Amino acid sequence: MKNFIIRTITGAIFVSLVIGSIFWGKLAFNSLLLVFGLLAMKEYCYIANNLPNVRLNWIFACVGVLLILAPTMFLPYLSHSFEEFKFLSVSSTIIGSIICIVGIAVSELFTFKENNSLHNMSYYVLGLIFISISFLALSIINNNSSSFSTYSVPSSILLFACIWINDTGAYLFGTAFGKHKMAPNISPKKSWEGFVGGVFLVTFITTLLWKFNFLEVQYIFYAVITSLVATLGDLLESVFKRRAGVKDSGKLLPGHGGILDRLDSVLLAAPIILLLGTIIETII
């Protein structure tokens, strides 16, 4: 009971922080994303360092994330036109990525160890790509999102809401009806009943909102895709942690674990939703 109360309080604070920053403004949300990105990279290094023949320097890795995310998230606010905005965003991402890759290569050359240098470079690059792309996608979705309802609610709210609704539905249906394990060797508590329940609850609520003219119809499609991808993101992190023999990515959020534990579903869903949205808007 005590753990449930702690988990609930932590979750409420986390949700309030995310939603509050979105409504506060793009700079506030980007600042929060940058902090989350650095914390996520630190936790990624912690998990990776529990794997055999892998030794990552979390400070070096966080500098890499900072070089990619910070310019891309904040330099465009200095632009005076959309063309300049695009130029600053793309160029800062490319320059930051090049600096990171060169830095990783140089670092491994000077600290070369035959048994782990290749592993280190691989995991550095994997972490930088995944975390940078995911947080940049979240930033772009929020920066470029039009309101999806007649009440001027930012579209980025829908992404987080779908994840949280999916988690709630999966927990409730899984607890009540869960008998068929989805991936017992990866996440023993997940069941197919919970998975279906999560998707059902997301679909039901978004359809209901559309019926009452609160939601535009195309966002039901995005919501369902987000729900489907959310579970995959959770499972992928579970595979990573299980292989490393780690229960949680960190201890920052009591009752939840770390930032990666709380955002694993969002980090995979964001780039996929952004890609789908871009393709659909281009076609239409």
Foldseek 3Di string as FASTA:
>chain_A
DVLVVLQVVLVVVVVCQQLVQLVVDLVSNLVVLLVLLLQVLLLLQVLQVLFPLEHEDSVLLNVLLCQQRVQLSPVLVVDDDPVVSVVSNVVSNVVSNVVSLVVLVVVCVVVPDPRRSVVHSVSSVVSSVLSNLLSVLLSCQSVPFFAFFPVGDGPSVLLVVLLVQLQVQLVVQLVVPFDAADCCVQDVSGGPRSLVRSLVRQLVVQVVCVVVRGGDPVVSVLSSLLSNQLVVLLSVVSVSNVSSVHDASACPRRSQHGSCSVCSSSSRSSNVSSVVVVVVVVVD
